[in-house]
Amino acid sequence: MAAAFHHLGYPDYFRVELAIGKIIGAILLLAPLAARIKEWAYAGFAITFVSAFIAHTVSGDPVANRIMPLIFLILLIVSYITYHKQRKVTA
């Protein structure tokens, strides 16, 4: 993983920060918290996946590496829509 981040031009400490941020984001999405907090977690993940797509594209990675962040973004969008549908039903 360190070599992959180095290939993309990111410093080593960014890999650790990103991992911590993703863990916190996942906890925020799974925990029963206020909707506003979950909205920020969804936004953070969306920014991360779009940034990953851009980084892989600019570095000239193969299409498979470029597509994976977009697949995760689509899963995130489905999760976001499902979350809002569930909130409407329970409200």
N, C-alpha and C. Protein backbone atom coordinates (compact mmCIF):
# COMPACT_ATOMS: atom_id res chain seq x y z
N MET A 1 0.82 -1.18 0.00
CA MET A 1 0.00 0.00 0.00
C MET A 1 0.88 1.26 0.00
N ALA A 2 1.98 1.19 0.75
CA ALA A 2 2.87 2.35 0.79
C ALA A 2 3.44 2.64 -0.60
N ALA A 3 3.76 1.59 -1.34
CA ALA A 3 4.31 1.77 -2.69
C ALA A 3 3.26 2.39 -3.61
N ALA A 4 2.00 1.98 -3.44
CA ALA A 4 0.92 2.54 -4.27
C ALA A 4 0.75 4.03 -4.01
N PHE A 5 0.80 4.43 -2.75
CA PHE A 5 0.67 5.86 -2.43
C PHE A 5 1.88 6.63 -2.94
N HIS A 6 3.05 6.02 -2.85
CA HIS A 6 4.25 6.67 -3.37
C HIS A 6 4.14 6.84 -4.89
N HIS A 7 3.61 5.82 -5.57
CA HIS A 7 3.41 5.88 -7.02
C HIS A 7 2.49 7.04 -7.40
N LEU A 8 1.48 7.29 -6.57
CA LEU A 8 0.54 8.38 -6.85
C LEU A 8 1.10 9.75 -6.47
N GLY A 9 2.24 9.77 -5.77
CA GLY A 9 2.88 11.03 -5.42
C GLY A 9 2.51 11.56 -4.05
N TYR A 10 1.87 10.72 -3.23
CA TYR A 10 1.47 11.16 -1.90
C TYR A 10 2.54 10.82 -0.88
N PRO A 11 2.72 11.66 0.15
CA PRO A 11 3.70 11.34 1.20
C PRO A 11 3.17 10.21 2.09
N ASP A 12 4.05 9.56 2.82
CA ASP A 12 3.69 8.42 3.67
C ASP A 12 2.66 8.78 4.74
N TYR A 13 2.78 9.95 5.32
CA TYR A 13 1.86 10.30 6.40
C TYR A 13 0.42 10.43 5.91
N PHE A 14 0.23 10.74 4.64
CA PHE A 14 -1.13 10.90 4.11
C PHE A 14 -1.87 9.57 4.11
N ARG A 15 -1.16 8.49 3.86
CA ARG A 15 -1.76 7.15 3.88
C ARG A 15 -2.34 6.85 5.26
N VAL A 16 -1.61 7.21 6.30
CA VAL A 16 -2.07 6.97 7.67
C VAL A 16 -3.26 7.87 7.98
N GLU A 17 -3.18 9.14 7.61
CA GLU A 17 -4.30 10.06 7.85
C GLU A 17 -5.56 9.60 7.13
N LEU A 18 -5.41 9.15 5.91
CA LEU A 18 -6.55 8.70 5.13
C LEU A 18 -7.17 7.45 5.75
N ALA A 19 -6.35 6.53 6.21
CA ALA A 19 -6.86 5.31 6.85
C ALA A 19 -7.63 5.65 8.12
N ILE A 20 -7.11 6.54 8.93
CA ILE A 20 -7.80 6.96 10.16
C ILE A 20 -9.12 7.65 9.81
N GLY A 21 -9.09 8.50 8.81
CA GLY A 21 -10.31 9.19 8.39
C GLY A 21 -11.37 8.22 7.89
N LYS A 22 -10.96 7.19 7.15
CA LYS A 22 -11.92 6.21 6.65
C LYS A 22 -12.52 5.39 7.78
N ILE A 23 -11.71 5.04 8.77
CA ILE A 23 -12.23 4.29 9.92
C ILE A 23 -13.24 5.13 10.68
N ILE A 24 -12.90 6.39 10.93
CA ILE A 24 -13.83 7.28 11.64
C ILE A 24 -15.11 7.47 10.82
N GLY A 25 -14.97 7.65 9.50
CA GLY A 25 -16.13 7.81 8.63
C GLY A 25 -17.04 6.60 8.65
N ALA A 26 -16.46 5.41 8.62
CA ALA A 26 -17.25 4.18 8.66
C ALA A 26 -18.00 4.07 9.98
N ILE A 27 -17.35 4.41 11.06
CA ILE A 27 -18.02 4.38 12.37
C ILE A 27 -19.17 5.37 12.40
N LEU A 28 -18.95 6.57 11.85
CA LEU A 28 -20.01 7.58 11.83
C LEU A 28 -21.20 7.13 11.00
N LEU A 29 -20.95 6.43 9.90
CA LEU A 29 -22.06 5.96 9.06
C LEU A 29 -22.84 4.82 9.72
N LEU A 30 -22.15 4.01 10.51
CA LEU A 30 -22.81 2.86 11.13
C LEU A 30 -23.47 3.19 12.47
N ALA A 31 -22.97 4.19 13.16
CA ALA A 31 -23.50 4.54 14.48
C ALA A 31 -24.81 5.32 14.35
N PRO A 32 -25.69 5.16 15.31
CA PRO A 32 -26.95 5.92 15.29
C PRO A 32 -26.72 7.36 15.75
N LEU A 33 -26.34 8.20 14.81
CA LEU A 33 -26.02 9.60 15.10
C LEU A 33 -26.95 10.52 14.33
N ALA A 34 -26.81 11.81 14.57
CA ALA A 34 -27.63 12.82 13.89
C ALA A 34 -27.37 12.78 12.39
N ALA A 35 -28.40 13.10 11.62
CA ALA A 35 -28.32 13.06 10.16
C ALA A 35 -27.23 13.99 9.63
N ARG A 36 -27.06 15.13 10.26
CA ARG A 36 -26.06 16.09 9.79
C ARG A 36 -24.65 15.50 9.82
N ILE A 37 -24.35 14.74 10.86
CA ILE A 37 -23.03 14.12 10.98
C ILE A 37 -22.84 13.09 9.87
N LYS A 38 -23.88 12.29 9.61
CA LYS A 38 -23.81 11.29 8.56
C LYS A 38 -23.64 11.95 7.19
N GLU A 39 -24.29 13.09 6.97
CA GLU A 39 -24.14 13.80 5.70
C GLU A 39 -22.68 14.18 5.47
N TRP A 40 -22.00 14.64 6.52
CA TRP A 40 -20.59 15.01 6.38
C TRP A 40 -19.73 13.78 6.11
N ALA A 41 -20.06 12.65 6.72
CA ALA A 41 -19.31 11.42 6.46
C ALA A 41 -19.48 10.99 5.01
N TYR A 42 -20.72 11.03 4.52
CA TYR A 42 -20.96 10.71 3.10
C TYR A 42 -20.18 11.66 2.19
N ALA A 43 -20.17 12.92 2.50
CA ALA A 43 -19.44 13.90 1.69
C ALA A 43 -17.94 13.61 1.69
N GLY A 44 -17.42 13.27 2.85
CA GLY A 44 -15.99 12.94 2.96
C GLY A 44 -15.61 11.74 2.11
N PHE A 45 -16.45 10.70 2.16
CA PHE A 45 -16.17 9.52 1.34
C PHE A 45 -16.29 9.85 -0.15
N ALA A 46 -17.27 10.65 -0.52
CA ALA A 46 -17.44 11.02 -1.93
C ALA A 46 -16.21 11.78 -2.43
N ILE A 47 -15.72 12.72 -1.65
CA ILE A 47 -14.52 13.47 -2.02
C ILE A 47 -13.32 12.54 -2.15
N THR A 48 -13.21 11.58 -1.24
CA THR A 48 -12.10 10.63 -1.27
C THR A 48 -12.13 9.79 -2.54
N PHE A 49 -13.31 9.28 -2.91
CA PHE A 49 -13.40 8.42 -4.09
C PHE A 49 -13.18 9.20 -5.39
N VAL A 50 -13.69 10.41 -5.46
CA VAL A 50 -13.46 11.23 -6.65
C VAL A 50 -11.97 11.59 -6.75
N SER A 51 -11.37 11.92 -5.63
CA SER A 51 -9.94 12.24 -5.63
C SER A 51 -9.09 11.04 -6.02
N ALA A 52 -9.48 9.86 -5.57
CA ALA A 52 -8.74 8.64 -5.94
C ALA A 52 -8.84 8.40 -7.44
N PHE A 53 -10.03 8.59 -8.00
CA PHE A 53 -10.18 8.43 -9.45
C PHE A 53 -9.28 9.41 -10.20
N ILE A 54 -9.26 10.65 -9.77
CA ILE A 54 -8.42 11.66 -10.43
C ILE A 54 -6.93 11.30 -10.29
N ALA A 55 -6.51 10.88 -9.09
CA ALA A 55 -5.11 10.54 -8.87
C ALA A 55 -4.68 9.37 -9.75
N HIS A 56 -5.51 8.34 -9.85
CA HIS A 56 -5.16 7.19 -10.68
C HIS A 56 -5.14 7.56 -12.16
N THR A 57 -6.04 8.43 -12.57
CA THR A 57 -6.09 8.84 -13.97
C THR A 57 -4.85 9.66 -14.34
N VAL A 58 -4.51 10.62 -13.50
CA VAL A 58 -3.38 11.50 -13.78
C VAL A 58 -2.05 10.73 -13.76
N SER A 59 -1.95 9.71 -12.90
CA SER A 59 -0.70 8.96 -12.82
C SER A 59 -0.56 7.93 -13.94
N GLY A 60 -1.61 7.80 -14.77
CA GLY A 60 -1.53 6.89 -15.90
C GLY A 60 -1.76 5.44 -15.56
N ASP A 61 -2.44 5.18 -14.47
CA ASP A 61 -2.72 3.79 -14.07
C ASP A 61 -3.66 3.12 -15.07
N PRO A 62 -3.68 1.78 -15.08
CA PRO A 62 -4.58 1.05 -15.97
C PRO A 62 -6.04 1.35 -15.64
N VAL A 63 -6.92 1.05 -16.58
CA VAL A 63 -8.34 1.35 -16.43
C VAL A 63 -8.93 0.66 -15.19
N ALA A 64 -8.49 -0.55 -14.89
CA ALA A 64 -9.01 -1.27 -13.72
C ALA A 64 -8.77 -0.47 -12.44
N ASN A 65 -7.62 0.16 -12.33
CA ASN A 65 -7.32 0.97 -11.14
C ASN A 65 -8.14 2.25 -11.11
N ARG A 66 -8.48 2.77 -12.27
CA ARG A 66 -9.28 4.00 -12.34
C ARG A 66 -10.74 3.72 -12.03
N ILE A 67 -11.22 2.55 -12.40
CA ILE A 67 -12.64 2.23 -12.26
C ILE A 67 -13.02 1.92 -10.81
N MET A 68 -12.12 1.32 -10.06
CA MET A 68 -12.46 0.90 -8.69
C MET A 68 -13.00 2.05 -7.82
N PRO A 69 -12.37 3.22 -7.80
CA PRO A 69 -12.95 4.30 -6.99
C PRO A 69 -14.36 4.69 -7.46
N LEU A 70 -14.62 4.58 -8.77
CA LEU A 70 -15.95 4.91 -9.28
C LEU A 70 -16.98 3.87 -8.85
N ILE A 71 -16.56 2.60 -8.80
CA ILE A 71 -17.47 1.56 -8.31
C ILE A 71 -17.81 1.81 -6.85
N PHE A 72 -16.81 2.16 -6.06
CA PHE A 72 -17.08 2.46 -4.65
C PHE A 72 -17.94 3.71 -4.50
N LEU A 73 -17.77 4.67 -5.40
CA LEU A 73 -18.61 5.87 -5.38
C LEU A 73 -20.06 5.50 -5.68
N ILE A 74 -20.28 4.61 -6.64
CA ILE A 74 -21.64 4.17 -6.95
C ILE A 74 -22.25 3.45 -5.76
N LEU A 75 -21.48 2.59 -5.10
CA LEU A 75 -21.99 1.92 -3.89
C LEU A 75 -22.32 2.94 -2.80
N LEU A 76 -21.51 3.97 -2.68
CA LEU A 76 -21.76 5.02 -1.70
C LEU A 76 -23.06 5.75 -2.03
N ILE A 77 -23.29 6.04 -3.30
CA ILE A 77 -24.52 6.72 -3.71
C ILE A 77 -25.73 5.86 -3.41
N VAL A 78 -25.64 4.56 -3.69
CA VAL A 78 -26.74 3.64 -3.37
C VAL A 78 -27.00 3.63 -1.86
N SER A 79 -25.94 3.60 -1.08
CA SER A 79 -26.08 3.64 0.37
C SER A 79 -26.74 4.94 0.83
N TYR A 80 -26.35 6.04 0.23
CA TYR A 80 -26.91 7.35 0.58
C TYR A 80 -28.40 7.40 0.27
N ILE A 81 -28.78 6.91 -0.92
CA ILE A 81 -30.20 6.91 -1.30
C ILE A 81 -30.99 6.00 -0.36
N THR A 82 -30.45 4.84 -0.07
CA THR A 82 -31.12 3.90 0.83
C THR A 82 -31.27 4.51 2.23
N TYR A 83 -30.25 5.18 2.70
CA TYR A 83 -30.29 5.83 4.02
C TYR A 83 -31.43 6.85 4.06
N HIS A 84 -31.58 7.65 3.02
CA HIS A 84 -32.62 8.66 3.00
C HIS A 84 -34.00 8.05 2.86
N LYS A 85 -34.14 6.97 2.10
CA LYS A 85 -35.42 6.28 2.01
C LYS A 85 -35.82 5.70 3.36
N GLN A 86 -34.87 5.15 4.08
CA GLN A 86 -35.12 4.58 5.40
C GLN A 86 -35.54 5.67 6.38
N ARG A 87 -34.90 6.83 6.31
CA ARG A 87 -35.26 7.93 7.21
C ARG A 87 -36.69 8.41 6.95
N LYS A 88 -37.12 8.43 5.67
CA LYS A 88 -38.48 8.85 5.35
C LYS A 88 -39.50 7.87 5.92
N VAL A 89 -39.20 6.59 5.85
CA VAL A 89 -40.13 5.56 6.34
C VAL A 89 -40.26 5.65 7.86
N THR A 90 -39.16 5.86 8.55
CA THR A 90 -39.19 5.90 10.02
C THR A 90 -39.65 7.25 10.56
N ALA A 91 -39.66 8.27 9.73
CA ALA A 91 -40.05 9.60 10.22
C ALA A 91 -41.55 9.80 10.25
